[in-house]
Amino acid sequence: MLNKYELNKAVLVVTRYFGGIKLGTGGLIRAYGQCAESVIQKSTICQHYNFDKIYIRFPFELINKVRHTVQLFKGGIREDADASGMRAEIEIPPSRMELFRQELITATSGKVHFISETVVK
């Protein structure tokens, strides 16, 4: 059923407790299949996307440009600030990461600094 409904990275478990009726091999296959299909049809299917993370520092005045660029690439952002400026953890689809980095540099006139994860903590 997972293949039929093209569900990846999913697990579906069907358990049958003996109810006093022997179904035989064919009957068990039909019962398990019908149960699995019923569960899938009643479920909410969620799509999951993989993202790569990038960590940056930038001056306060660039926050709108950074947010806009992240939005253009359909990414996510978590921001924090300290006396020296802003820092952010950004999630971008892996296939768009290099283009995102280039666009971020262009949008901020090179004033964004890429940092490692250990610096952000």
PDB file of N, CA and C in Angstrom:
ATOM      1  N   MET A   1       0.825  -1.197   0.000  1.00  0.00           N
ATOM      2  CA  MET A   1       0.000   0.000   0.000  1.00  0.00           C
ATOM      3  C   MET A   1       0.869   1.261   0.000  1.00  0.00           C
ATOM      4  N   LEU A   2       1.998   1.209   0.695  1.00  0.00           N
ATOM      5  CA  LEU A   2       2.881   2.377   0.694  1.00  0.00           C
ATOM      6  C   LEU A   2       3.366   2.676  -0.717  1.00  0.00           C
ATOM      7  N   ASN A   3       3.698   1.641  -1.465  1.00  0.00           N
ATOM      8  CA  ASN A   3       4.109   1.835  -2.863  1.00  0.00           C
ATOM      9  C   ASN A   3       2.952   2.342  -3.704  1.00  0.00           C
ATOM     10  N   LYS A   4       1.785   1.774  -3.528  1.00  0.00           N
ATOM     11  CA  LYS A   4       0.601   2.174  -4.302  1.00  0.00           C
ATOM     12  C   LYS A   4       0.320   3.665  -4.144  1.00  0.00           C
ATOM     13  N   TYR A   5       0.467   4.171  -2.931  1.00  0.00           N
ATOM     14  CA  TYR A   5       0.193   5.575  -2.653  1.00  0.00           C
ATOM     15  C   TYR A   5       1.456   6.449  -2.723  1.00  0.00           C
ATOM     16  N   GLU A   6       2.549   5.861  -3.206  1.00  0.00           N
ATOM     17  CA  GLU A   6       3.820   6.564  -3.395  1.00  0.00           C
ATOM     18  C   GLU A   6       4.275   7.282  -2.115  1.00  0.00           C
ATOM     19  N   LEU A   7       4.230   6.568  -1.002  1.00  0.00           N
ATOM     20  CA  LEU A   7       4.677   7.119   0.275  1.00  0.00           C
ATOM     21  C   LEU A   7       6.090   6.635   0.548  1.00  0.00           C
ATOM     22  N   ASN A   8       6.996   7.575   0.736  1.00  0.00           N
ATOM     23  CA  ASN A   8       8.396   7.274   1.019  1.00  0.00           C
ATOM     24  C   ASN A   8       8.713   7.659   2.447  1.00  0.00           C
ATOM     25  N   LYS A   9       9.726   7.019   3.003  1.00  0.00           N
ATOM     26  CA  LYS A   9      10.149   7.296   4.373  1.00  0.00           C
ATOM     27  C   LYS A   9       8.970   7.195   5.334  1.00  0.00           C
ATOM     28  N   ALA A  10       8.162   6.155   5.147  1.00  0.00           N
ATOM     29  CA  ALA A  10       6.977   5.945   5.968  1.00  0.00           C
ATOM     30  C   ALA A  10       6.942   4.494   6.441  1.00  0.00           C
ATOM     31  N   VAL A  11       6.299   4.283   7.569  1.00  0.00           N
ATOM     32  CA  VAL A  11       6.116   2.943   8.114  1.00  0.00           C
ATOM     33  C   VAL A  11       4.639   2.775   8.436  1.00  0.00           C
ATOM     34  N   LEU A  12       4.103   1.628   8.101  1.00  0.00           N
ATOM     35  CA  LEU A  12       2.723   1.321   8.420  1.00  0.00           C
ATOM     36  C   LEU A  12       2.697  -0.088   9.021  1.00  0.00           C
ATOM     37  N   VAL A  13       2.120  -0.225  10.195  1.00  0.00           N
ATOM     38  CA  VAL A  13       2.080  -1.520  10.878  1.00  0.00           C
ATOM     39  C   VAL A  13       0.628  -1.938  11.040  1.00  0.00           C
ATOM     40  N   VAL A  14       0.325  -3.154  10.632  1.00  0.00           N
ATOM     41  CA  VAL A  14      -1.005  -3.730  10.825  1.00  0.00           C
ATOM     42  C   VAL A  14      -0.842  -4.939  11.726  1.00  0.00           C
ATOM     43  N   THR A  15      -1.612  -4.979  12.807  1.00  0.00           N
ATOM     44  CA  THR A  15      -1.562  -6.104  13.739  1.00  0.00           C
ATOM     45  C   THR A  15      -2.950  -6.730  13.798  1.00  0.00           C
ATOM     46  N   ARG A  16      -3.001  -8.043  13.670  1.00  0.00           N
ATOM     47  CA  ARG A  16      -4.278  -8.748  13.774  1.00  0.00           C
ATOM     48  C   ARG A  16      -4.209  -9.685  14.972  1.00  0.00           C
ATOM     49  N   TYR A  17      -5.157  -9.520  15.862  1.00  0.00           N
ATOM     50  CA  TYR A  17      -5.283 -10.437  16.980  1.00  0.00           C
ATOM     51  C   TYR A  17      -6.269 -11.515  16.572  1.00  0.00           C
ATOM     52  N   PHE A  18      -5.940 -12.746  16.825  1.00  0.00           N
ATOM     53  CA  PHE A  18      -6.775 -13.862  16.395  1.00  0.00           C
ATOM     54  C   PHE A  18      -8.174 -13.720  16.970  1.00  0.00           C
ATOM     55  N   GLY A  19      -9.159 -13.749  16.078  1.00  0.00           N
ATOM     56  CA  GLY A  19     -10.549 -13.574  16.497  1.00  0.00           C
ATOM     57  C   GLY A  19     -11.365 -14.847  16.409  1.00  0.00           C
ATOM     58  N   GLY A  20     -10.701 -15.988  16.335  1.00  0.00           N
ATOM     59  CA  GLY A  20     -11.429 -17.245  16.309  1.00  0.00           C
ATOM     60  C   GLY A  20     -11.770 -17.729  14.913  1.00  0.00           C
ATOM     61  N   ILE A  21     -11.453 -16.922  13.882  1.00  0.00           N
ATOM     62  CA  ILE A  21     -11.745 -17.315  12.500  1.00  0.00           C
ATOM     63  C   ILE A  21     -10.438 -17.406  11.739  1.00  0.00           C
ATOM     64  N   LYS A  22     -10.210 -18.557  11.129  1.00  0.00           N
ATOM     65  CA  LYS A  22      -9.012 -18.729  10.308  1.00  0.00           C
ATOM     66  C   LYS A  22      -9.295 -18.174   8.925  1.00  0.00           C
ATOM     67  N   LEU A  23      -8.506 -17.183   8.505  1.00  0.00           N
ATOM     68  CA  LEU A  23      -8.726 -16.521   7.220  1.00  0.00           C
ATOM     69  C   LEU A  23      -7.953 -17.167   6.081  1.00  0.00           C
ATOM     70  N   GLY A  24      -6.930 -17.919   6.397  1.00  0.00           N
ATOM     71  CA  GLY A  24      -6.093 -18.485   5.340  1.00  0.00           C
ATOM     72  C   GLY A  24      -5.170 -17.414   4.785  1.00  0.00           C
ATOM     73  N   THR A  25      -4.220 -17.855   3.954  1.00  0.00           N
ATOM     74  CA  THR A  25      -3.221 -16.922   3.415  1.00  0.00           C
ATOM     75  C   THR A  25      -3.862 -15.797   2.606  1.00  0.00           C
ATOM     76  N   GLY A  26      -4.743 -16.125   1.687  1.00  0.00           N
ATOM     77  CA  GLY A  26      -5.399 -15.103   0.849  1.00  0.00           C
ATOM     78  C   GLY A  26      -6.241 -14.153   1.659  1.00  0.00           C
ATOM     79  N   GLY A  27      -6.954 -14.695   2.633  1.00  0.00           N
ATOM     80  CA  GLY A  27      -7.793 -13.858   3.489  1.00  0.00           C
ATOM     81  C   GLY A  27      -6.981 -12.907   4.347  1.00  0.00           C
ATOM     82  N   LEU A  28      -5.837 -13.395   4.837  1.00  0.00           N
ATOM     83  CA  LEU A  28      -4.956 -12.520   5.626  1.00  0.00           C
ATOM     84  C   LEU A  28      -4.399 -11.390   4.777  1.00  0.00           C
ATOM     85  N   ILE A  29      -3.977 -11.716   3.579  1.00  0.00           N
ATOM     86  CA  ILE A  29      -3.422 -10.684   2.685  1.00  0.00           C
ATOM     87  C   ILE A  29      -4.476  -9.629   2.392  1.00  0.00           C
ATOM     88  N   ARG A  30      -5.711 -10.055   2.100  1.00  0.00           N
ATOM     89  CA  ARG A  30      -6.786  -9.091   1.828  1.00  0.00           C
ATOM     90  C   ARG A  30      -7.095  -8.251   3.069  1.00  0.00           C
ATOM     91  N   ALA A  31      -7.148  -8.894   4.222  1.00  0.00           N
ATOM     92  CA  ALA A  31      -7.470  -8.175   5.466  1.00  0.00           C
ATOM     93  C   ALA A  31      -6.395  -7.144   5.788  1.00  0.00           C
ATOM     94  N   TYR A  32      -5.131  -7.561   5.705  1.00  0.00           N
ATOM     95  CA  TYR A  32      -4.040  -6.616   5.964  1.00  0.00           C
ATOM     96  C   TYR A  32      -4.042  -5.484   4.947  1.00  0.00           C
ATOM     97  N   GLY A  33      -4.232  -5.811   3.697  1.00  0.00           N
ATOM     98  CA  GLY A  33      -4.242  -4.796   2.633  1.00  0.00           C
ATOM     99  C   GLY A  33      -5.367  -3.795   2.813  1.00  0.00           C
ATOM    100  N   GLN A  34      -6.586  -4.292   3.123  1.00  0.00           N
ATOM    101  CA  GLN A  34      -7.724  -3.397   3.327  1.00  0.00           C
ATOM    102  C   GLN A  34      -7.506  -2.494   4.535  1.00  0.00           C
ATOM    103  N   CYS A  35      -6.957  -3.053   5.589  1.00  0.00           N
ATOM    104  CA  CYS A  35      -6.683  -2.268   6.794  1.00  0.00           C
ATOM    105  C   CYS A  35      -5.650  -1.176   6.498  1.00  0.00           C
ATOM    106  N   ALA A  36      -4.569  -1.555   5.829  1.00  0.00           N
ATOM    107  CA  ALA A  36      -3.514  -0.581   5.491  1.00  0.00           C
ATOM    108  C   ALA A  36      -4.069   0.522   4.607  1.00  0.00           C
ATOM    109  N   GLU A  37      -4.843   0.156   3.603  1.00  0.00           N
ATOM    110  CA  GLU A  37      -5.401   1.165   2.694  1.00  0.00           C
ATOM    111  C   GLU A  37      -6.367   2.092   3.423  1.00  0.00           C
ATOM    112  N   SER A  38      -7.167   1.545   4.311  1.00  0.00           N
ATOM    113  CA  SER A  38      -8.096   2.353   5.085  1.00  0.00           C
ATOM    114  C   SER A  38      -7.355   3.382   5.942  1.00  0.00           C
ATOM    115  N   VAL A  39      -6.275   2.952   6.576  1.00  0.00           N
ATOM    116  CA  VAL A  39      -5.477   3.862   7.408  1.00  0.00           C
ATOM    117  C   VAL A  39      -4.880   4.976   6.552  1.00  0.00           C
ATOM    118  N   ILE A  40      -4.326   4.630   5.404  1.00  0.00           N
ATOM    119  CA  ILE A  40      -3.718   5.635   4.520  1.00  0.00           C
ATOM    120  C   ILE A  40      -4.770   6.634   4.045  1.00  0.00           C
ATOM    121  N   GLN A  41      -5.937   6.148   3.655  1.00  0.00           N
ATOM    122  CA  GLN A  41      -6.995   7.033   3.153  1.00  0.00           C
ATOM    123  C   GLN A  41      -7.502   7.989   4.228  1.00  0.00           C
ATOM    124  N   LYS A  42      -7.471   7.562   5.479  1.00  0.00           N
ATOM    125  CA  LYS A  42      -7.957   8.407   6.570  1.00  0.00           C
ATOM    126  C   LYS A  42      -6.863   9.302   7.159  1.00  0.00           C
ATOM    127  N   SER A  43      -5.634   9.116   6.703  1.00  0.00           N
ATOM    128  CA  SER A  43      -4.499   9.859   7.257  1.00  0.00           C
ATOM    129  C   SER A  43      -4.299  11.182   6.545  1.00  0.00           C
ATOM    130  N   THR A  44      -3.644  12.076   7.233  1.00  0.00           N
ATOM    131  CA  THR A  44      -3.193  13.323   6.628  1.00  0.00           C
ATOM    132  C   THR A  44      -1.763  13.089   6.160  1.00  0.00           C
ATOM    133  N   ILE A  45      -1.542  13.255   4.866  1.00  0.00           N
ATOM    134  CA  ILE A  45      -0.217  13.029   4.294  1.00  0.00           C
ATOM    135  C   ILE A  45       0.546  14.354   4.322  1.00  0.00           C
ATOM    136  N   CYS A  46       1.712  14.351   4.933  1.00  0.00           N
ATOM    137  CA  CYS A  46       2.548  15.550   5.039  1.00  0.00           C
ATOM    138  C   CYS A  46       3.799  15.368   4.189  1.00  0.00           C
ATOM    139  N   GLN A  47       4.158  16.394   3.477  1.00  0.00           N
ATOM    140  CA  GLN A  47       5.396  16.346   2.719  1.00  0.00           C
ATOM    141  C   GLN A  47       6.523  16.888   3.590  1.00  0.00           C
ATOM    142  N   HIS A  48       7.654  16.226   3.507  1.00  0.00           N
ATOM    143  CA  HIS A  48       8.830  16.630   4.270  1.00  0.00           C
ATOM    144  C   HIS A  48       9.913  17.051   3.290  1.00  0.00           C
ATOM    145  N   TYR A  49      10.519  18.161   3.565  1.00  0.00           N
ATOM    146  CA  TYR A  49      11.578  18.662   2.698  1.00  0.00           C
ATOM    147  C   TYR A  49      12.889  18.669   3.466  1.00  0.00           C
ATOM    148  N   ASN A  50      13.951  18.321   2.786  1.00  0.00           N
ATOM    149  CA  ASN A  50      15.277  18.371   3.393  1.00  0.00           C
ATOM    150  C   ASN A  50      15.873  19.762   3.191  1.00  0.00           C
ATOM    151  N   PHE A  51      16.559  20.241   4.203  1.00  0.00           N
ATOM    152  CA  PHE A  51      17.197  21.543   4.133  1.00  0.00           C
ATOM    153  C   PHE A  51      18.643  21.427   4.603  1.00  0.00           C
ATOM    154  N   ASP A  52      19.491  22.257   4.052  1.00  0.00           N
ATOM    155  CA  ASP A  52      20.838  22.436   4.570  1.00  0.00           C
ATOM    156  C   ASP A  52      20.830  23.716   5.389  1.00  0.00           C
ATOM    157  N   LYS A  53      21.667  23.761   6.414  1.00  0.00           N
ATOM    158  CA  LYS A  53      21.741  24.949   7.266  1.00  0.00           C
ATOM    159  C   LYS A  53      22.988  25.749   6.941  1.00  0.00           C
ATOM    160  N   ILE A  54      22.833  27.048   7.066  1.00  0.00           N
ATOM    161  CA  ILE A  54      23.944  27.976   6.895  1.00  0.00           C
ATOM    162  C   ILE A  54      23.841  28.988   8.033  1.00  0.00           C
ATOM    163  N   TYR A  55      24.975  29.401   8.559  1.00  0.00           N
ATOM    164  CA  TYR A  55      25.018  30.337   9.686  1.00  0.00           C
ATOM    165  C   TYR A  55      25.731  31.608   9.239  1.00  0.00           C
ATOM    166  N   ILE A  56      25.102  32.746   9.535  1.00  0.00           N
ATOM    167  CA  ILE A  56      25.666  34.025   9.071  1.00  0.00           C
ATOM    168  C   ILE A  56      25.631  35.073  10.179  1.00  0.00           C
ATOM    169  N   ARG A  57      26.468  36.104   9.996  1.00  0.00           N
ATOM    170  CA  ARG A  57      26.453  37.329  10.809  1.00  0.00           C
ATOM    171  C   ARG A  57      26.333  38.493   9.841  1.00  0.00           C
ATOM    172  N   PHE A  58      25.615  39.528  10.275  1.00  0.00           N
ATOM    173  CA  PHE A  58      25.446  40.688   9.413  1.00  0.00           C
ATOM    174  C   PHE A  58      25.021  41.889  10.250  1.00  0.00           C
ATOM    175  N   PRO A  59      25.220  43.114   9.723  1.00  0.00           N
ATOM    176  CA  PRO A  59      24.811  44.324  10.447  1.00  0.00           C
ATOM    177  C   PRO A  59      23.284  44.416  10.571  1.00  0.00           C
ATOM    178  N   PHE A  60      22.818  45.072  11.619  1.00  0.00           N
ATOM    179  CA  PHE A  60      21.381  45.222  11.877  1.00  0.00           C
ATOM    180  C   PHE A  60      20.616  45.754  10.674  1.00  0.00           C
ATOM    181  N   GLU A  61      21.179  46.728   9.985  1.00  0.00           N
ATOM    182  CA  GLU A  61      20.440  47.398   8.903  1.00  0.00           C
ATOM    183  C   GLU A  61      20.166  46.493   7.691  1.00  0.00           C
ATOM    184  N   LEU A  62      20.756  45.307   7.667  1.00  0.00           N
ATOM    185  CA  LEU A  62      20.547  44.394   6.534  1.00  0.00           C
ATOM    186  C   LEU A  62      19.464  43.341   6.791  1.00  0.00           C
ATOM    187  N   ILE A  63      18.791  43.425   7.929  1.00  0.00           N
ATOM    188  CA  ILE A  63      17.824  42.390   8.288  1.00  0.00           C
ATOM    189  C   ILE A  63      16.747  42.198   7.227  1.00  0.00           C
ATOM    190  N   ASN A  64      16.211  43.272   6.673  1.00  0.00           N
ATOM    191  CA  ASN A  64      15.158  43.142   5.660  1.00  0.00           C
ATOM    192  C   ASN A  64      15.679  42.503   4.374  1.00  0.00           C
ATOM    193  N   LYS A  65      16.897  42.826   3.978  1.00  0.00           N
ATOM    194  CA  LYS A  65      17.476  42.225   2.773  1.00  0.00           C
ATOM    195  C   LYS A  65      17.733  40.734   2.977  1.00  0.00           C
ATOM    196  N   VAL A  66      18.215  40.366   4.153  1.00  0.00           N
ATOM    197  CA  VAL A  66      18.468  38.958   4.454  1.00  0.00           C
ATOM    198  C   VAL A  66      17.149  38.191   4.478  1.00  0.00           C
ATOM    199  N   ARG A  67      16.159  38.716   5.177  1.00  0.00           N
ATOM    200  CA  ARG A  67      14.850  38.046   5.245  1.00  0.00           C
ATOM    201  C   ARG A  67      14.234  37.893   3.861  1.00  0.00           C
ATOM    202  N   HIS A  68      14.318  38.938   3.057  1.00  0.00           N
ATOM    203  CA  HIS A  68      13.753  38.890   1.706  1.00  0.00           C
ATOM    204  C   HIS A  68      14.443  37.816   0.864  1.00  0.00           C
ATOM    205  N   THR A  69      15.749  37.727   0.954  1.00  0.00           N
ATOM    206  CA  THR A  69      16.496  36.729   0.180  1.00  0.00           C
ATOM    207  C   THR A  69      16.133  35.316   0.634  1.00  0.00           C
ATOM    208  N   VAL A  70      16.010  35.110   1.926  1.00  0.00           N
ATOM    209  CA  VAL A  70      15.607  33.801   2.449  1.00  0.00           C
ATOM    210  C   VAL A  70      14.215  33.443   1.927  1.00  0.00           C
ATOM    211  N   GLN A  71      13.313  34.409   1.936  1.00  0.00           N
ATOM    212  CA  GLN A  71      11.948  34.186   1.454  1.00  0.00           C
ATOM    213  C   GLN A  71      11.935  33.829  -0.033  1.00  0.00           C
ATOM    214  N   LEU A  72      12.759  34.486  -0.827  1.00  0.00           N
ATOM    215  CA  LEU A  72      12.848  34.187  -2.262  1.00  0.00           C
ATOM    216  C   LEU A  72      13.230  32.731  -2.523  1.00  0.00           C
ATOM    217  N   PHE A  73      14.054  32.182  -1.642  1.00  0.00           N
ATOM    218  CA  PHE A  73      14.539  30.815  -1.805  1.00  0.00           C
ATOM    219  C   PHE A  73      13.712  29.803  -1.008  1.00  0.00           C
ATOM    220  N   LYS A  74      12.567  30.253  -0.476  1.00  0.00           N
ATOM    221  CA  LYS A  74      11.656  29.397   0.285  1.00  0.00           C
ATOM    222  C   LYS A  74      12.361  28.689   1.450  1.00  0.00           C
ATOM    223  N   GLY A  75      13.164  29.470   2.142  1.00  0.00           N
ATOM    224  CA  GLY A  75      13.910  28.936   3.272  1.00  0.00           C
ATOM    225  C   GLY A  75      13.297  29.350   4.594  1.00  0.00           C
ATOM    226  N   GLY A  76      13.944  28.929   5.662  1.00  0.00           N
ATOM    227  CA  GLY A  76      13.539  29.303   7.011  1.00  0.00           C
ATOM    228  C   GLY A  76      14.684  30.030   7.690  1.00  0.00           C
ATOM    229  N   ILE A  77      14.346  30.876   8.651  1.00  0.00           N
ATOM    230  CA  ILE A  77      15.381  31.656   9.323  1.00  0.00           C
ATOM    231  C   ILE A  77      15.062  31.772  10.811  1.00  0.00           C
ATOM    232  N   ARG A  78      16.108  31.652  11.627  1.00  0.00           N
ATOM    233  CA  ARG A  78      16.044  31.944  13.064  1.00  0.00           C
ATOM    234  C   ARG A  78      17.109  32.987  13.329  1.00  0.00           C
ATOM    235  N   GLU A  79      16.714  34.055  13.965  1.00  0.00           N
ATOM    236  CA  GLU A  79      17.624  35.174  14.173  1.00  0.00           C
ATOM    237  C   GLU A  79      17.901  35.393  15.650  1.00  0.00           C
ATOM    238  N   ASP A  80      19.041  36.033  15.894  1.00  0.00           N
ATOM    239  CA  ASP A  80      19.424  36.439  17.238  1.00  0.00           C
ATOM    240  C   ASP A  80      20.285  37.683  17.067  1.00  0.00           C
ATOM    241  N   ALA A  81      20.433  38.451  18.110  1.00  0.00           N
ATOM    242  CA  ALA A  81      21.239  39.668  18.018  1.00  0.00           C
ATOM    243  C   ALA A  81      22.085  39.816  19.273  1.00  0.00           C
ATOM    244  N   ASP A  82      23.200  40.501  19.095  1.00  0.00           N
ATOM    245  CA  ASP A  82      24.017  40.913  20.226  1.00  0.00           C
ATOM    246  C   ASP A  82      24.561  42.297  19.891  1.00  0.00           C
ATOM    247  N   ALA A  83      25.430  42.807  20.705  1.00  0.00           N
ATOM    248  CA  ALA A  83      25.926  44.171  20.507  1.00  0.00           C
ATOM    249  C   ALA A  83      26.643  44.354  19.172  1.00  0.00           C
ATOM    250  N   SER A  84      27.211  43.286  18.628  1.00  0.00           N
ATOM    251  CA  SER A  84      27.975  43.412  17.383  1.00  0.00           C
ATOM    252  C   SER A  84      27.122  43.275  16.126  1.00  0.00           C
ATOM    253  N   GLY A  85      25.864  42.906  16.270  1.00  0.00           N
ATOM    254  CA  GLY A  85      25.000  42.784  15.093  1.00  0.00           C
ATOM    255  C   GLY A  85      24.094  41.576  15.153  1.00  0.00           C
ATOM    256  N   MET A  86      23.622  41.172  13.997  1.00  0.00           N
ATOM    257  CA  MET A  86      22.694  40.052  13.894  1.00  0.00           C
ATOM    258  C   MET A  86      23.441  38.768  13.556  1.00  0.00           C
ATOM    259  N   ARG A  87      22.848  37.661  13.969  1.00  0.00           N
ATOM    260  CA  ARG A  87      23.318  36.367  13.498  1.00  0.00           C
ATOM    261  C   ARG A  87      22.071  35.545  13.193  1.00  0.00           C
ATOM    262  N   ALA A  88      22.215  34.608  12.266  1.00  0.00           N
ATOM    263  CA  ALA A  88      21.044  33.841  11.848  1.00  0.00           C
ATOM    264  C   ALA A  88      21.433  32.425  11.460  1.00  0.00           C
ATOM    265  N   GLU A  89      20.500  31.532  11.704  1.00  0.00           N
ATOM    266  CA  GLU A  89      20.581  30.164  11.207  1.00  0.00           C
ATOM    267  C   GLU A  89      19.538  30.084  10.102  1.00  0.00           C
ATOM    268  N   ILE A  90      19.978  29.721   8.910  1.00  0.00           N
ATOM    269  CA  ILE A  90      19.087  29.715   7.746  1.00  0.00           C
ATOM    270  C   ILE A  90      19.040  28.310   7.163  1.00  0.00           C
ATOM    271  N   GLU A  91      17.834  27.869   6.812  1.00  0.00           N
ATOM    272  CA  GLU A  91      17.646  26.569   6.165  1.00  0.00           C
ATOM    273  C   GLU A  91      17.200  26.797   4.725  1.00  0.00           C
ATOM    274  N   ILE A  92      17.927  26.163   3.801  1.00  0.00           N
ATOM    275  CA  ILE A  92      17.674  26.311   2.366  1.00  0.00           C
ATOM    276  C   ILE A  92      17.696  24.918   1.733  1.00  0.00           C
ATOM    277  N   PRO A  93      16.851  24.660   0.738  1.00  0.00           N
ATOM    278  CA  PRO A  93      16.939  23.378   0.032  1.00  0.00           C
ATOM    279  C   PRO A  93      18.352  23.177  -0.517  1.00  0.00           C
ATOM    280  N   PRO A  94      18.925  21.979  -0.349  1.00  0.00           N
ATOM    281  CA  PRO A  94      20.320  21.735  -0.740  1.00  0.00           C
ATOM    282  C   PRO A  94      20.636  22.102  -2.191  1.00  0.00           C
ATOM    283  N   SER A  95      19.715  21.858  -3.085  1.00  0.00           N
ATOM    284  CA  SER A  95      19.969  22.136  -4.509  1.00  0.00           C
ATOM    285  C   SER A  95      20.068  23.628  -4.807  1.00  0.00           C
ATOM    286  N   ARG A  96      19.645  24.482  -3.878  1.00  0.00           N
ATOM    287  CA  ARG A  96      19.649  25.930  -4.110  1.00  0.00           C
ATOM    288  C   ARG A  96      20.661  26.668  -3.238  1.00  0.00           C
ATOM    289  N   MET A  97      21.429  25.932  -2.440  1.00  0.00           N
ATOM    290  CA  MET A  97      22.310  26.560  -1.460  1.00  0.00           C
ATOM    291  C   MET A  97      23.362  27.461  -2.105  1.00  0.00           C
ATOM    292  N   GLU A  98      24.056  26.987  -3.108  1.00  0.00           N
ATOM    293  CA  GLU A  98      25.122  27.800  -3.714  1.00  0.00           C
ATOM    294  C   GLU A  98      24.563  29.070  -4.339  1.00  0.00           C
ATOM    295  N   LEU A  99      23.443  28.945  -5.032  1.00  0.00           N
ATOM    296  CA  LEU A  99      22.802  30.125  -5.621  1.00  0.00           C
ATOM    297  C   LEU A  99      22.338  31.087  -4.528  1.00  0.00           C
ATOM    298  N   PHE A 100      21.837  30.538  -3.429  1.00  0.00           N
ATOM    299  CA  PHE A 100      21.415  31.370  -2.294  1.00  0.00           C
ATOM    300  C   PHE A 100      22.593  32.152  -1.735  1.00  0.00           C
ATOM    301  N   ARG A 101      23.719  31.479  -1.530  1.00  0.00           N
ATOM    302  CA  ARG A 101      24.911  32.154  -0.993  1.00  0.00           C
ATOM    303  C   ARG A 101      25.319  33.323  -1.894  1.00  0.00           C
ATOM    304  N   GLN A 102      25.327  33.083  -3.192  1.00  0.00           N
ATOM    305  CA  GLN A 102      25.703  34.139  -4.139  1.00  0.00           C
ATOM    306  C   GLN A 102      24.713  35.297  -4.086  1.00  0.00           C
ATOM    307  N   GLU A 103      23.430  34.980  -4.043  1.00  0.00           N
ATOM    308  CA  GLU A 103      22.406  36.022  -4.001  1.00  0.00           C
ATOM    309  C   GLU A 103      22.468  36.821  -2.696  1.00  0.00           C
ATOM    310  N   LEU A 104      22.758  36.142  -1.601  1.00  0.00           N
ATOM    311  CA  LEU A 104      22.875  36.811  -0.304  1.00  0.00           C
ATOM    312  C   LEU A 104      24.060  37.779  -0.307  1.00  0.00           C
ATOM    313  N   ILE A 105      25.155  37.364  -0.884  1.00  0.00           N
ATOM    314  CA  ILE A 105      26.329  38.246  -0.984  1.00  0.00           C
ATOM    315  C   ILE A 105      25.993  39.464  -1.829  1.00  0.00           C
ATOM    316  N   THR A 106      25.317  39.252  -2.952  1.00  0.00           N
ATOM    317  CA  THR A 106      24.930  40.359  -3.835  1.00  0.00           C
ATOM    318  C   THR A 106      23.956  41.297  -3.130  1.00  0.00           C
ATOM    319  N   ALA A 107      22.926  40.738  -2.490  1.00  0.00           N
ATOM    320  CA  ALA A 107      21.886  41.550  -1.844  1.00  0.00           C
ATOM    321  C   ALA A 107      22.434  42.394  -0.699  1.00  0.00           C
ATOM    322  N   THR A 108      23.484  41.911  -0.037  1.00  0.00           N
ATOM    323  CA  THR A 108      24.041  42.628   1.119  1.00  0.00           C
ATOM    324  C   THR A 108      25.338  43.347   0.768  1.00  0.00           C
ATOM    325  N   SER A 109      25.651  43.418  -0.492  1.00  0.00           N
ATOM    326  CA  SER A 109      26.897  44.047  -0.961  1.00  0.00           C
ATOM    327  C   SER A 109      28.122  43.456  -0.256  1.00  0.00           C
ATOM    328  N   GLY A 110      28.085  42.157  -0.025  1.00  0.00           N
ATOM    329  CA  GLY A 110      29.214  41.464   0.572  1.00  0.00           C
ATOM    330  C   GLY A 110      29.389  41.686   2.070  1.00  0.00           C
ATOM    331  N   LYS A 111      28.385  42.261   2.731  1.00  0.00           N
ATOM    332  CA  LYS A 111      28.502  42.576   4.162  1.00  0.00           C
ATOM    333  C   LYS A 111      28.043  41.435   5.074  1.00  0.00           C
ATOM    334  N   VAL A 112      27.667  40.306   4.486  1.00  0.00           N
ATOM    335  CA  VAL A 112      27.273  39.147   5.280  1.00  0.00           C
ATOM    336  C   VAL A 112      28.510  38.281   5.475  1.00  0.00           C
ATOM    337  N   HIS A 113      28.654  37.710   6.670  1.00  0.00           N
ATOM    338  CA  HIS A 113      29.794  36.854   6.979  1.00  0.00           C
ATOM    339  C   HIS A 113      29.279  35.458   7.312  1.00  0.00           C
ATOM    340  N   PHE A 114      29.808  34.468   6.633  1.00  0.00           N
ATOM    341  CA  PHE A 114      29.426  33.077   6.857  1.00  0.00           C
ATOM    342  C   PHE A 114      30.261  32.545   8.017  1.00  0.00           C
ATOM    343  N   ILE A 115      29.587  31.915   8.978  1.00  0.00           N
ATOM    344  CA  ILE A 115      30.277  31.440  10.169  1.00  0.00           C
ATOM    345  C   ILE A 115      29.964  29.957  10.372  1.00  0.00           C
ATOM    346  N   SER A 116      30.679  29.330  11.274  1.00  0.00           N
ATOM    347  CA  SER A 116      30.461  27.906  11.542  1.00  0.00           C
ATOM    348  C   SER A 116      29.419  27.753  12.635  1.00  0.00           C
ATOM    349  N   GLU A 117      28.879  26.549  12.768  1.00  0.00           N
ATOM    350  CA  GLU A 117      27.858  26.257  13.760  1.00  0.00           C
ATOM    351  C   GLU A 117      28.367  26.491  15.178  1.00  0.00           C
ATOM    352  N   THR A 118      29.620  26.220  15.429  1.00  0.00           N
ATOM    353  CA  THR A 118      30.156  26.351  16.789  1.00  0.00           C
ATOM    354  C   THR A 118      30.164  27.805  17.257  1.00  0.00           C
ATOM    355  N   VAL A 119      30.275  28.751  16.336  1.00  0.00           N
ATOM    356  CA  VAL A 119      30.281  30.167  16.709  1.00  0.00           C
ATOM    357  C   VAL A 119      28.888  30.609  17.146  1.00  0.00           C
ATOM    358  N   VAL A 120      27.838  30.035  16.549  1.00  0.00           N
ATOM    359  CA  VAL A 120      26.476  30.460  16.822  1.00  0.00           C
ATOM    360  C   VAL A 120      26.015  30.032  18.211  1.00  0.00           C
ATOM    361  N   LYS A 121      26.477  28.918  18.700  1.00  0.00           N
ATOM    362  CA  LYS A 121      25.979  28.373  19.974  1.00  0.00           C
ATOM    363  C   LYS A 121      26.253  29.265  21.135  1.00  0.00           C
TER     364      LYS A 121
END
